[in-house]
Amino acid sequence: MAVTIKRTVGGKIGHGSTPDILAVQKLLNRHASLAGYKKLEENGKVDKKTLAAIKKFQQVCCPDINADSRVEPRKQTLLSLNMSAADLKKWVKGVQSDDPGDAAQCIVLYVGKTAYEFNSQNDADKFAATIKQIEINGKTHQFTPKEWAAFQADMIKTLNRTIVVGAKSRAEMAYGLWEHFAELNNDQYVISWFVSLTGPDLPKFGIVNKASNAARNLEAAVKSGNFDRIGKAIKEAEEPINKAYKVMWDYQKAVIGSAENWVTALEVTKTTSFIIVGAIATPLLVPSAGLAGAGALASGGTALVGSTANELGKYNVGTSKGPADAIKNIALDTVIDGTVGAVLKGASGKKIFEGVGEQLVKKVGSKWIGKVGSPAVQKYLTAYLQNATTSGIEEAIKQVGEVIKGKTKPKDFFGKVATAMATGGFMKGFDKVVDDKLGKAVYDGISSKARKDIFGELKPAVAIGIINDVVKGSGGNFVSTGIEQALKAATGKESDTALVEAAAKKMTKGADFKKFQKMLADKAAKRKK
């Protein structure tokens, strides 16, 4: 095996690493008598004697190069030093006699970092013709036939567990999502309606079908072991598979949010994965004449084996049990759960609020709200549902999830949601606030002069009691009118107390107040007696 060095030895005193210097000194001593210098002390140091020996060797044994006292890795001086004493003697004799027939026939070729010796140029040429040389990212890699066979086998294994698995998973996921949403859109009226509220149409089937075909072609190409076919299949698969995956992922996000818990995102980017396979698919046959020159910049083929898995590993295939398993877990309940929050918060949620509000006005569990004209209540409830996150509509929709599976139409769906909200006590708290606070709010809204005219010297607590008695009796119509006017002016963000106070103000203003005032005065007069 030829002796190699990592760095240049010589050129000036002290230049070189100890292991490399020792190696050069041993080689120099092998040829001392032929070149005409005394053997050196093998001390691992570049001194004047070592520099002189290198220069003398170059002058005698390498007359075609500049004698500069330098031994460089993979250059002519080191190649000549590596020759046997007998071969070098023949070489020197041939050079000195100018007779080509006397020249040594020992040829040294480097493949990567390994030197190979041959006794004839013909043998060297035959060997060089078997070498595979490829360039990846500007770096040359050389393979012997044995190394090439091992590398190809390793590449097939690596491709199967990375690009093939990743491509299949990505294509299957896109296909599975498409089938799932197509089924929902066709068979579930309410779910389809929810999906339509978010805007996008289901992507065309041809996009995911093309990706599936590309993944199958890639798998078959890798199975064949033909790298020309593999390289072509990868290039043809990259665009349709990534496109289908992105289109369906974007559609899913638009419909129900990212929902990353459903599936494991497969992060696949354009890396040297495709460049590597493309280069390996078309290796260059290197003639011996170009081998030594290329060898100066080349690494051995075995050096690429370890890095290939890392490069192809960038084609991350995730850790899920598979897209089929993930898609199977997307139940209708999950679609509803995922859709409701997003839709209610968006502009399209207004259709749901209006639909539920229209049905809820017929079912609301409040005696006072029930007495108010439905247009005002519907307007208020729609605004209330849209603005009050604690309204319970989201929970009500989820509660009817089991009921709406199947061909339930949106109008029926609204009715079921409204029923769920009404039976849950929606707006019942409003009645208690009216009972507890309306009397005082009305009393506070009456001017001091009017209070004296109505209640005389009665204490405020007694006056408030009178107001409550009238409200529960014949004065209920005045309360309903005040509440209706308050609801018409409301934004839906007001609390129950704020609504009651607004209703009280309406009751103590305008022409109707005189009628209400007379009812209060008559009741107060009886109390005074």
Protein backbone atom coordinates (compact mmCIF):
# COMPACT_ATOMS: atom_id res chain seq x y z
CA MET A 1 0.00 0.00 0.00
CA ALA A 2 1.33 3.39 -0.96
CA VAL A 3 2.42 5.81 1.76
CA THR A 4 0.29 8.96 2.00
CA ILE A 5 0.74 12.27 3.81
CA LYS A 6 -1.87 14.81 4.87
CA ARG A 7 0.16 18.01 4.43
CA THR A 8 3.19 19.24 2.52
CA VAL A 9 6.60 18.36 3.97
CA GLY A 10 9.58 20.64 3.33
CA GLY A 11 10.06 23.81 1.35
CA LYS A 12 11.58 25.38 4.44
CA ILE A 13 13.06 24.19 7.72
CA GLY A 14 10.52 22.84 10.18
CA HIS A 15 7.65 22.70 7.68
CA GLY A 16 5.41 19.64 8.13
CA SER A 17 3.75 17.47 10.79
CA THR A 18 5.84 14.85 12.60
CA PRO A 19 3.97 11.77 11.22
CA ASP A 20 4.22 13.10 7.66
CA ILE A 21 7.92 14.02 8.06
CA LEU A 22 8.77 10.56 9.41
CA ALA A 23 6.96 8.95 6.46
CA VAL A 24 8.91 11.06 3.95
CA GLN A 25 12.23 10.41 5.69
CA LYS A 26 11.64 6.64 5.51
CA LEU A 27 10.88 6.88 1.79
CA LEU A 28 13.93 9.08 1.17
CA ASN A 29 16.18 6.55 2.91
CA ARG A 30 14.79 3.80 0.65
CA HIS A 31 16.28 5.58 -2.40
CA ALA A 32 19.37 7.26 -0.84
CA SER A 33 21.98 5.25 -2.75
CA LEU A 34 20.18 5.68 -6.08
CA ALA A 35 19.74 9.44 -5.74
CA GLY A 36 23.21 10.00 -4.27
CA TYR A 37 22.73 11.34 -0.74
CA LYS A 38 23.44 9.93 2.71
CA LYS A 39 20.64 8.27 4.66
CA LEU A 40 18.85 10.60 7.03
CA GLU A 41 18.26 10.31 10.75
CA GLU A 42 14.54 9.50 10.96
CA ASN A 43 13.79 12.07 13.67
CA GLY A 44 10.53 13.60 12.38
CA LYS A 45 12.15 17.00 11.88
CA VAL A 46 12.69 18.98 8.67
CA ASP A 47 16.32 20.11 8.88
CA LYS A 48 18.87 21.17 6.28
CA LYS A 49 19.86 17.57 5.50
CA THR A 50 16.24 16.58 4.90
CA LEU A 51 15.64 19.55 2.62
CA ALA A 52 18.82 18.76 0.68
CA ALA A 53 17.83 15.08 0.32
CA ILE A 54 14.38 16.00 -1.05
CA LYS A 55 15.91 18.37 -3.57
CA LYS A 56 18.55 15.81 -4.67
CA PHE A 57 15.86 13.14 -5.06
CA GLN A 58 13.80 15.47 -7.23
CA GLN A 59 16.77 16.35 -9.44
CA VAL A 60 17.70 12.71 -10.04
CA CYS A 61 14.36 10.89 -9.97
CA CYS A 62 11.89 13.61 -11.03
CA PRO A 63 13.77 15.66 -13.63
CA ASP A 64 10.55 16.87 -15.24
CA ILE A 65 9.46 18.92 -12.20
CA ASN A 66 10.88 21.92 -10.38
CA ALA A 67 13.25 20.77 -7.58
CA ASP A 68 11.77 22.85 -4.74
CA SER A 69 12.50 20.57 -1.72
CA ARG A 70 8.75 20.06 -1.20
CA VAL A 71 6.88 16.75 -0.94
CA GLU A 72 3.18 17.41 -1.50
CA PRO A 73 0.23 15.02 -1.04
CA ARG A 74 -0.67 13.13 -4.24
CA LYS A 75 1.95 15.00 -6.32
CA GLN A 76 4.78 13.57 -8.46
CA THR A 77 7.55 13.62 -5.81
CA LEU A 78 5.46 11.49 -3.43
CA LEU A 79 4.36 9.17 -6.26
CA SER A 80 8.02 8.58 -7.21
CA LEU A 81 9.06 8.05 -3.58
CA ASN A 82 6.37 5.37 -3.33
CA MET A 83 7.88 3.36 -6.20
CA SER A 84 9.96 0.30 -5.34
CA ALA A 85 13.75 0.67 -5.45
CA ALA A 86 13.98 -1.62 -8.47
CA ASP A 87 11.26 0.18 -10.45
CA LEU A 88 12.66 3.60 -9.65
CA LYS A 89 16.12 2.44 -10.71
CA LYS A 90 14.71 1.35 -14.08
CA TRP A 91 12.95 4.70 -14.38
CA VAL A 92 16.12 6.69 -13.65
CA LYS A 93 18.14 4.54 -16.06
CA GLY A 94 15.57 5.09 -18.80
CA VAL A 95 15.55 8.84 -18.27
CA GLN A 96 19.35 9.11 -18.21
CA SER A 97 19.79 6.96 -21.35
CA ASP A 98 16.93 8.69 -23.21
CA ASP A 99 15.75 5.19 -24.14
CA PRO A 100 11.98 4.88 -23.49
CA GLY A 101 12.30 1.09 -23.43
CA ASP A 102 14.44 1.32 -20.32
CA ALA A 103 11.92 3.44 -18.41
CA ALA A 104 10.08 1.82 -15.53
CA GLN A 105 6.55 0.65 -16.26
CA CYS A 106 5.31 1.10 -12.67
CA ILE A 107 2.17 3.30 -12.77
CA VAL A 108 0.57 4.65 -9.60
CA LEU A 109 -3.09 5.75 -9.78
CA TYR A 110 -5.05 7.38 -6.97
CA VAL A 111 -8.78 6.71 -6.52
CA GLY A 112 -9.95 9.03 -3.81
CA LYS A 113 -7.25 8.76 -1.15
CA THR A 114 -6.14 5.23 -2.06
CA ALA A 115 -3.14 4.57 -4.34
CA TYR A 116 -3.05 1.60 -6.74
CA GLU A 117 0.17 0.39 -8.45
CA PHE A 118 0.32 -1.20 -11.92
CA ASN A 119 3.20 -2.71 -13.88
CA SER A 120 2.01 -1.36 -17.23
CA GLN A 121 0.07 1.50 -18.69
CA ASN A 122 -2.37 -0.98 -20.23
CA ASP A 123 -3.22 -2.44 -16.81
CA ALA A 124 -3.68 1.06 -15.42
CA ASP A 125 -5.99 1.99 -18.29
CA LYS A 126 -8.14 -1.08 -17.77
CA PHE A 127 -8.47 -0.32 -14.07
CA ALA A 128 -9.28 3.37 -14.66
CA ALA A 129 -12.04 2.41 -17.10
CA THR A 130 -13.91 0.68 -14.28
CA ILE A 131 -13.88 3.70 -11.97
CA LYS A 132 -17.11 5.63 -11.44
CA GLN A 133 -16.68 9.33 -10.82
CA ILE A 134 -19.56 11.65 -9.88
CA GLU A 135 -19.74 15.27 -8.89
CA ILE A 136 -22.18 16.47 -6.20
CA ASN A 137 -22.29 20.08 -5.05
CA GLY A 138 -18.95 20.75 -6.73
CA LYS A 139 -17.15 17.84 -5.05
CA THR A 140 -15.84 14.82 -6.93
CA HIS A 141 -16.36 11.30 -5.58
CA GLN A 142 -14.66 8.20 -7.05
CA PHE A 143 -15.72 4.57 -6.69
CA THR A 144 -14.03 1.27 -7.43
CA PRO A 145 -16.40 -1.40 -8.82
CA LYS A 146 -16.73 -2.99 -5.38
CA GLU A 147 -17.40 0.35 -3.69
CA TRP A 148 -19.93 1.28 -6.40
CA ALA A 149 -21.93 -1.92 -5.96
CA ALA A 150 -22.03 -1.45 -2.18
CA PHE A 151 -23.00 2.19 -2.56
CA GLN A 152 -25.87 1.42 -4.93
CA ALA A 153 -27.24 -1.22 -2.54
CA ASP A 154 -27.05 1.26 0.34
CA MET A 155 -28.74 3.94 -1.77
CA ILE A 156 -31.70 1.67 -2.59
CA LYS A 157 -32.24 0.94 1.12
CA THR A 158 -31.96 4.63 2.00
CA LEU A 159 -34.33 5.70 -0.78
CA ASN A 160 -36.93 3.14 0.31
CA ARG A 161 -36.98 4.36 3.91
CA THR A 162 -36.89 8.06 3.08
CA ILE A 163 -38.08 9.38 -0.26
CA VAL A 164 -40.37 6.45 -1.10
CA VAL A 165 -42.04 6.41 2.32
CA GLY A 166 -42.28 10.19 2.37
CA ALA A 167 -43.75 10.41 -1.12
CA LYS A 168 -46.32 7.67 -0.44
CA SER A 169 -47.33 9.18 2.90
CA ARG A 170 -47.71 12.63 1.42
CA ALA A 171 -49.69 11.42 -1.60
CA GLU A 172 -51.90 9.13 0.52
CA MET A 173 -52.60 11.92 2.97
CA ALA A 174 -53.70 14.29 0.19
CA TYR A 175 -55.86 11.54 -1.35
CA GLY A 176 -57.37 10.58 2.01
CA LEU A 177 -58.25 14.16 2.91
CA TRP A 178 -59.86 14.66 -0.49
CA GLU A 179 -62.02 11.54 -0.15
CA HIS A 180 -63.00 12.51 3.39
CA PHE A 181 -64.13 16.02 2.52
CA ALA A 182 -65.80 14.86 -0.69
CA GLU A 183 -67.90 12.46 1.40
CA LEU A 184 -68.82 15.18 3.89
CA ASN A 185 -69.72 17.61 1.12
CA ASN A 186 -71.94 15.07 -0.62
CA ASP A 187 -73.63 13.30 2.29
CA GLN A 188 -73.80 15.75 5.20
CA TYR A 189 -75.95 18.81 4.51
CA VAL A 190 -75.04 20.71 7.64
CA ILE A 191 -71.34 19.86 7.51
CA SER A 192 -71.26 20.73 3.82
CA TRP A 193 -72.92 24.02 4.63
CA PHE A 194 -70.42 24.73 7.39
CA VAL A 195 -67.58 23.93 5.00
CA SER A 196 -69.06 26.20 2.33
CA LEU A 197 -69.16 29.11 4.76
CA THR A 198 -65.37 29.15 4.86
CA GLY A 199 -65.14 29.89 1.16
CA PRO A 200 -62.89 27.48 -0.77
CA ASP A 201 -64.16 24.79 -3.10
CA LEU A 202 -62.88 21.23 -2.79
CA PRO A 203 -59.78 20.90 -5.04
CA LYS A 204 -60.14 18.85 -8.20
CA PHE A 205 -59.68 15.09 -7.87
CA GLY A 206 -57.11 15.06 -10.68
CA ILE A 207 -54.58 16.86 -8.48
CA VAL A 208 -54.50 14.14 -5.80
CA ASN A 209 -54.85 11.33 -8.33
CA LYS A 210 -51.76 12.56 -10.20
CA ALA A 211 -49.81 12.62 -6.93
CA SER A 212 -50.83 9.03 -6.14
CA ASN A 213 -49.68 7.86 -9.57
CA ALA A 214 -46.36 9.66 -9.17
CA ALA A 215 -45.76 8.01 -5.78
CA ARG A 216 -46.48 4.56 -7.25
CA ASN A 217 -44.11 5.20 -10.16
CA LEU A 218 -41.37 6.30 -7.76
CA GLU A 219 -41.78 3.21 -5.62
CA ALA A 220 -41.58 0.97 -8.71
CA ALA A 221 -38.48 2.80 -9.97
CA VAL A 222 -36.62 2.35 -6.69
CA LYS A 223 -37.66 -1.30 -6.58
CA SER A 224 -36.15 -1.79 -10.06
CA GLY A 225 -32.72 -0.61 -8.87
CA ASN A 226 -32.24 1.32 -12.12
CA PHE A 227 -30.80 4.70 -11.14
CA ASP A 228 -31.59 6.32 -14.48
CA ARG A 229 -35.23 5.43 -13.88
CA ILE A 230 -35.03 6.45 -10.20
CA GLY A 231 -33.60 9.87 -11.01
CA LYS A 232 -36.33 10.49 -13.60
CA ALA A 233 -39.10 9.25 -11.27
CA ILE A 234 -37.97 11.52 -8.43
CA LYS A 235 -37.91 14.58 -10.67
CA GLU A 236 -41.36 13.72 -12.02
CA ALA A 237 -42.82 13.01 -8.56
CA GLU A 238 -41.61 16.06 -6.67
CA GLU A 239 -43.95 18.66 -8.18
CA PRO A 240 -47.30 16.77 -8.26
CA ILE A 241 -46.88 15.23 -4.79
CA ASN A 242 -45.86 18.48 -3.10
CA LYS A 243 -48.62 20.35 -4.94
CA ALA A 244 -51.36 17.88 -3.90
CA TYR A 245 -50.16 17.89 -0.32
CA LYS A 246 -50.08 21.70 -0.12
CA VAL A 247 -53.46 22.12 -1.85
CA MET A 248 -55.23 19.71 0.52
CA TRP A 249 -53.42 21.01 3.62
CA ASP A 250 -54.40 24.58 2.71
CA TYR A 251 -57.99 23.47 2.09
CA GLN A 252 -58.15 21.72 5.45
CA LYS A 253 -56.74 24.80 7.21
CA ALA A 254 -59.27 27.05 5.48
CA VAL A 255 -62.15 24.78 6.43
CA ILE A 256 -61.35 23.81 10.01
CA GLY A 257 -58.02 25.33 10.94
CA SER A 258 -54.61 23.63 10.96
CA ALA A 259 -55.77 20.74 13.20
CA GLU A 260 -52.20 19.48 13.50
CA ASN A 261 -53.34 16.82 15.94
CA TRP A 262 -55.10 15.02 13.08
CA VAL A 263 -52.03 14.21 11.05
CA THR A 264 -48.29 14.56 11.33
CA ALA A 265 -47.08 17.30 9.02
CA LEU A 266 -44.51 15.99 6.58
CA GLU A 267 -41.84 18.62 6.11
CA VAL A 268 -40.31 17.97 2.69
CA THR A 269 -38.12 20.63 1.15
CA LYS A 270 -36.04 20.91 -1.99
CA THR A 271 -32.62 19.75 -0.83
CA THR A 272 -29.65 17.98 -2.34
CA SER A 273 -31.67 14.76 -2.01
CA PHE A 274 -32.77 15.14 -5.63
CA ILE A 275 -29.36 16.39 -6.76
CA ILE A 276 -27.64 13.36 -5.25
CA VAL A 277 -29.87 10.83 -6.94
CA GLY A 278 -29.68 12.69 -10.23
CA ALA A 279 -25.88 12.63 -10.11
CA ILE A 280 -25.72 8.98 -9.13
CA ALA A 281 -28.08 8.10 -11.95
CA THR A 282 -25.49 9.25 -14.51
CA PRO A 283 -21.95 8.34 -13.23
CA LEU A 284 -19.02 9.26 -15.43
CA LEU A 285 -16.56 6.72 -16.75
CA VAL A 286 -13.14 8.21 -16.09
CA PRO A 287 -10.19 7.45 -18.41
CA SER A 288 -6.83 6.87 -16.76
CA ALA A 289 -5.42 10.02 -18.30
CA GLY A 290 -7.84 12.14 -16.32
CA LEU A 291 -7.86 10.07 -13.17
CA ALA A 292 -4.75 11.43 -11.48
CA GLY A 293 -5.74 15.04 -12.11
CA ALA A 294 -9.26 14.49 -10.83
CA GLY A 295 -7.85 12.52 -7.94
CA ALA A 296 -6.16 15.60 -6.57
CA LEU A 297 -9.64 16.94 -5.68
CA ALA A 298 -11.56 13.72 -5.24
CA SER A 299 -12.73 11.84 -2.19
CA GLY A 300 -13.23 8.12 -2.08
CA GLY A 301 -16.67 6.81 -2.93
CA THR A 302 -17.02 5.29 0.51
CA ALA A 303 -16.94 8.78 2.00
CA LEU A 304 -20.27 9.49 0.29
CA VAL A 305 -22.07 6.47 1.70
CA GLY A 306 -22.29 7.92 5.19
CA SER A 307 -23.38 11.37 4.05
CA THR A 308 -26.08 10.09 1.68
CA ALA A 309 -28.40 8.92 4.45
CA ASN A 310 -28.04 12.32 6.10
CA GLU A 311 -28.82 14.21 2.90
CA LEU A 312 -31.78 12.02 2.01
CA GLY A 313 -32.85 12.13 5.63
CA LYS A 314 -33.84 15.74 5.01
CA TYR A 315 -36.82 14.19 3.26
CA ASN A 316 -38.52 13.82 6.63
CA VAL A 317 -41.35 11.30 6.69
CA GLY A 318 -42.73 12.05 10.15
CA THR A 319 -43.68 9.64 12.91
CA SER A 320 -47.41 9.02 12.46
CA LYS A 321 -48.81 5.52 12.05
CA GLY A 322 -49.85 6.48 8.55
CA PRO A 323 -52.33 8.81 6.85
CA ALA A 324 -55.07 6.18 6.64
CA ASP A 325 -55.01 5.79 10.41
CA ALA A 326 -55.03 9.56 10.89
CA ILE A 327 -57.88 10.19 8.46
CA LYS A 328 -59.93 7.44 10.12
CA ASN A 329 -59.91 9.48 13.32
CA ILE A 330 -61.53 12.53 11.68
CA ALA A 331 -65.07 11.95 12.95
CA LEU A 332 -68.01 14.19 12.18
CA ASP A 333 -67.91 15.40 15.75
CA THR A 334 -64.36 16.60 15.18
CA VAL A 335 -65.37 18.45 12.05
CA ILE A 336 -68.16 20.21 13.95
CA ASP A 337 -65.90 20.95 16.90
CA GLY A 338 -63.18 22.26 14.65
CA THR A 339 -65.49 24.28 12.43
CA VAL A 340 -67.77 25.99 14.94
CA GLY A 341 -65.21 28.18 16.67
CA ALA A 342 -63.60 29.27 13.42
CA VAL A 343 -66.87 29.98 11.64
CA LEU A 344 -68.50 31.82 14.54
CA LYS A 345 -65.50 34.14 14.83
CA GLY A 346 -65.49 34.89 11.10
CA ALA A 347 -67.73 37.08 9.00
CA SER A 348 -69.57 34.01 7.66
CA GLY A 349 -70.75 33.25 11.20
CA LYS A 350 -73.41 35.94 10.81
CA LYS A 351 -75.55 33.46 8.84
CA ILE A 352 -75.49 31.08 11.79
CA PHE A 353 -76.29 33.81 14.32
CA GLU A 354 -79.22 35.03 12.22
CA GLY A 355 -80.54 31.52 11.67
CA VAL A 356 -80.29 30.50 15.32
CA GLY A 357 -81.60 33.88 16.46
CA GLU A 358 -84.71 33.51 14.31
CA GLN A 359 -85.50 30.13 15.83
CA LEU A 360 -84.44 31.11 19.34
CA VAL A 361 -86.94 33.97 19.54
CA LYS A 362 -89.69 31.31 19.46
CA LYS A 363 -88.10 29.22 22.17
CA VAL A 364 -86.36 31.66 24.49
CA GLY A 365 -87.10 30.82 28.11
CA SER A 366 -87.77 34.35 29.41
CA LYS A 367 -91.31 35.51 30.28
CA TRP A 368 -90.40 39.15 29.65
CA ILE A 369 -88.50 38.54 26.38
CA GLY A 370 -91.39 36.35 25.27
CA LYS A 371 -93.81 39.28 25.61
CA VAL A 372 -91.74 41.53 23.35
CA GLY A 373 -92.31 41.82 19.59
CA SER A 374 -90.26 39.20 17.77
CA PRO A 375 -88.45 41.52 15.27
CA ALA A 376 -86.80 43.45 18.08
CA VAL A 377 -85.95 40.29 20.00
CA GLN A 378 -84.58 38.58 16.90
CA LYS A 379 -82.40 41.59 16.10
CA TYR A 380 -81.10 41.71 19.63
CA LEU A 381 -80.52 37.96 19.94
CA THR A 382 -78.59 37.91 16.65
CA ALA A 383 -76.36 40.72 17.88
CA TYR A 384 -76.13 39.12 21.31
CA LEU A 385 -75.04 35.77 19.92
CA GLN A 386 -72.51 37.43 17.66
CA ASN A 387 -70.93 39.49 20.41
CA ALA A 388 -71.27 37.48 23.60
CA THR A 389 -68.71 34.65 23.66
CA THR A 390 -70.43 33.25 26.76
CA SER A 391 -73.78 33.00 25.02
CA GLY A 392 -73.57 29.25 24.83
CA ILE A 393 -74.17 28.94 21.09
CA GLU A 394 -70.89 27.14 20.46
CA GLU A 395 -71.65 24.63 23.20
CA ALA A 396 -75.21 24.23 21.94
CA ILE A 397 -73.99 23.41 18.44
CA LYS A 398 -71.65 20.77 19.83
CA GLN A 399 -74.47 19.31 21.94
CA VAL A 400 -76.55 18.60 18.86
CA GLY A 401 -73.62 17.02 17.03
CA GLU A 402 -75.12 13.55 17.31
CA VAL A 403 -78.52 14.74 16.08
CA ILE A 404 -77.28 16.52 12.97
CA LYS A 405 -75.38 13.56 11.54
CA GLY A 406 -77.11 12.59 8.36
CA LYS A 407 -79.15 14.67 5.97
CA THR A 408 -80.12 17.45 8.38
CA LYS A 409 -80.79 20.73 6.59
CA PRO A 410 -79.54 24.06 7.97
CA LYS A 411 -83.04 25.27 8.97
CA ASP A 412 -83.66 22.13 11.04
CA PHE A 413 -80.19 22.47 12.44
CA PHE A 414 -80.93 26.02 13.64
CA GLY A 415 -84.07 24.79 15.37
CA LYS A 416 -82.20 22.04 17.21
CA VAL A 417 -79.49 24.45 18.33
CA ALA A 418 -82.10 26.99 19.50
CA THR A 419 -83.91 24.26 21.45
CA ALA A 420 -80.65 23.20 23.09
CA MET A 421 -79.98 26.79 24.12
CA ALA A 422 -83.54 27.45 25.37
CA THR A 423 -83.72 24.28 27.44
CA GLY A 424 -80.34 25.21 28.84
CA GLY A 425 -81.89 28.28 30.48
CA PHE A 426 -80.81 30.85 27.91
CA MET A 427 -81.96 34.37 28.95
CA LYS A 428 -83.78 33.06 32.03
CA GLY A 429 -81.46 35.16 34.14
CA PHE A 430 -82.96 38.26 32.52
CA ASP A 431 -86.29 37.69 34.33
CA LYS A 432 -84.62 37.73 37.73
CA VAL A 433 -82.82 40.98 36.96
CA VAL A 434 -86.17 42.56 35.96
CA ASP A 435 -87.76 41.36 39.19
CA ASP A 436 -84.85 42.51 41.36
CA LYS A 437 -83.73 45.76 39.73
CA LEU A 438 -86.40 47.25 37.47
CA GLY A 439 -88.38 48.87 40.32
CA LYS A 440 -85.39 50.80 41.68
CA ALA A 441 -84.19 51.70 38.14
CA VAL A 442 -87.61 53.19 37.35
CA TYR A 443 -87.71 55.04 40.70
CA ASP A 444 -84.22 56.50 40.04
CA GLY A 445 -85.33 57.57 36.55
CA ILE A 446 -88.31 59.58 37.81
CA SER A 447 -87.59 63.25 38.58
CA SER A 448 -87.82 64.38 42.21
CA LYS A 449 -90.81 66.58 41.42
CA ALA A 450 -92.68 63.68 39.75
CA ARG A 451 -91.80 61.39 42.66
CA LYS A 452 -93.38 63.83 45.12
CA ASP A 453 -96.46 64.13 42.92
CA ILE A 454 -96.80 60.35 42.71
CA PHE A 455 -95.66 59.05 46.08
CA GLY A 456 -95.97 62.07 48.36
CA GLU A 457 -94.03 61.44 51.56
CA LEU A 458 -93.79 57.66 51.13
CA LYS A 459 -90.33 56.23 51.76
CA PRO A 460 -88.26 55.11 48.71
CA ALA A 461 -88.51 51.43 49.66
CA VAL A 462 -92.31 51.67 49.76
CA ALA A 463 -92.35 53.57 46.46
CA ILE A 464 -90.16 50.92 44.79
CA GLY A 465 -92.53 48.24 46.11
CA ILE A 466 -95.46 50.06 44.53
CA ILE A 467 -93.62 50.19 41.18
CA ASN A 468 -92.96 46.43 41.36
CA ASP A 469 -96.62 45.73 42.14
CA VAL A 470 -97.77 47.77 39.15
CA VAL A 471 -95.18 46.09 36.89
CA LYS A 472 -96.46 42.64 37.87
CA GLY A 473 -100.02 43.71 37.23
CA SER A 474 -101.57 45.97 34.64
CA GLY A 475 -98.32 47.86 34.07
CA GLY A 476 -96.67 44.91 32.39
CA ASN A 477 -97.34 46.35 28.95
CA PHE A 478 -95.30 49.44 29.80
CA VAL A 479 -92.42 47.15 30.83
CA SER A 480 -92.62 45.18 27.56
CA THR A 481 -92.59 48.41 25.58
CA GLY A 482 -89.58 49.70 27.51
CA ILE A 483 -87.72 46.40 27.03
CA GLU A 484 -88.53 46.34 23.31
CA GLN A 485 -87.22 49.89 22.86
CA ALA A 486 -84.08 49.01 24.84
CA LEU A 487 -83.48 45.91 22.70
CA LYS A 488 -83.88 47.91 19.48
CA ALA A 489 -81.16 50.31 20.61
CA ALA A 490 -78.89 47.56 22.02
CA THR A 491 -75.69 46.33 20.37
CA GLY A 492 -75.80 42.84 21.86
CA LYS A 493 -72.87 43.51 24.16
CA GLU A 494 -74.94 44.85 27.08
CA SER A 495 -75.36 42.97 30.34
CA ASP A 496 -78.83 42.03 31.64
CA THR A 497 -78.61 44.82 34.23
CA ALA A 498 -77.69 47.41 31.55
CA LEU A 499 -80.70 46.33 29.48
CA VAL A 500 -83.05 46.63 32.44
CA GLU A 501 -81.70 50.09 33.27
CA ALA A 502 -82.13 51.12 29.61
CA ALA A 503 -85.73 49.80 29.66
CA ALA A 504 -86.42 51.81 32.85
CA LYS A 505 -85.25 55.00 31.16
CA LYS A 506 -87.57 54.35 28.23
CA MET A 507 -90.47 53.80 30.68
CA THR A 508 -89.90 57.16 32.42
CA LYS A 509 -89.76 59.20 29.21
CA GLY A 510 -92.24 59.98 26.46
CA ALA A 511 -96.02 60.21 26.24
CA ASP A 512 -96.67 56.74 27.67
CA PHE A 513 -95.03 57.72 30.95
CA LYS A 514 -98.04 59.86 31.90
CA LYS A 515 -100.29 56.80 31.72
CA PHE A 516 -97.80 54.76 33.72
CA GLN A 517 -97.42 57.67 36.18
CA LYS A 518 -101.23 57.72 36.77
CA MET A 519 -101.23 53.98 37.51
CA LEU A 520 -98.45 54.48 40.05
CA ALA A 521 -100.24 57.48 41.64
CA ASP A 522 -103.53 55.53 42.00
CA LYS A 523 -101.67 52.66 43.66
CA ALA A 524 -99.77 55.03 45.97
CA ALA A 525 -103.01 56.81 46.97
CA LYS A 526 -104.54 53.53 48.10
CA ARG A 527 -101.38 52.77 50.09
CA LYS A 528 -101.59 56.19 51.84
CA LYS A 529 -105.13 55.46 52.99
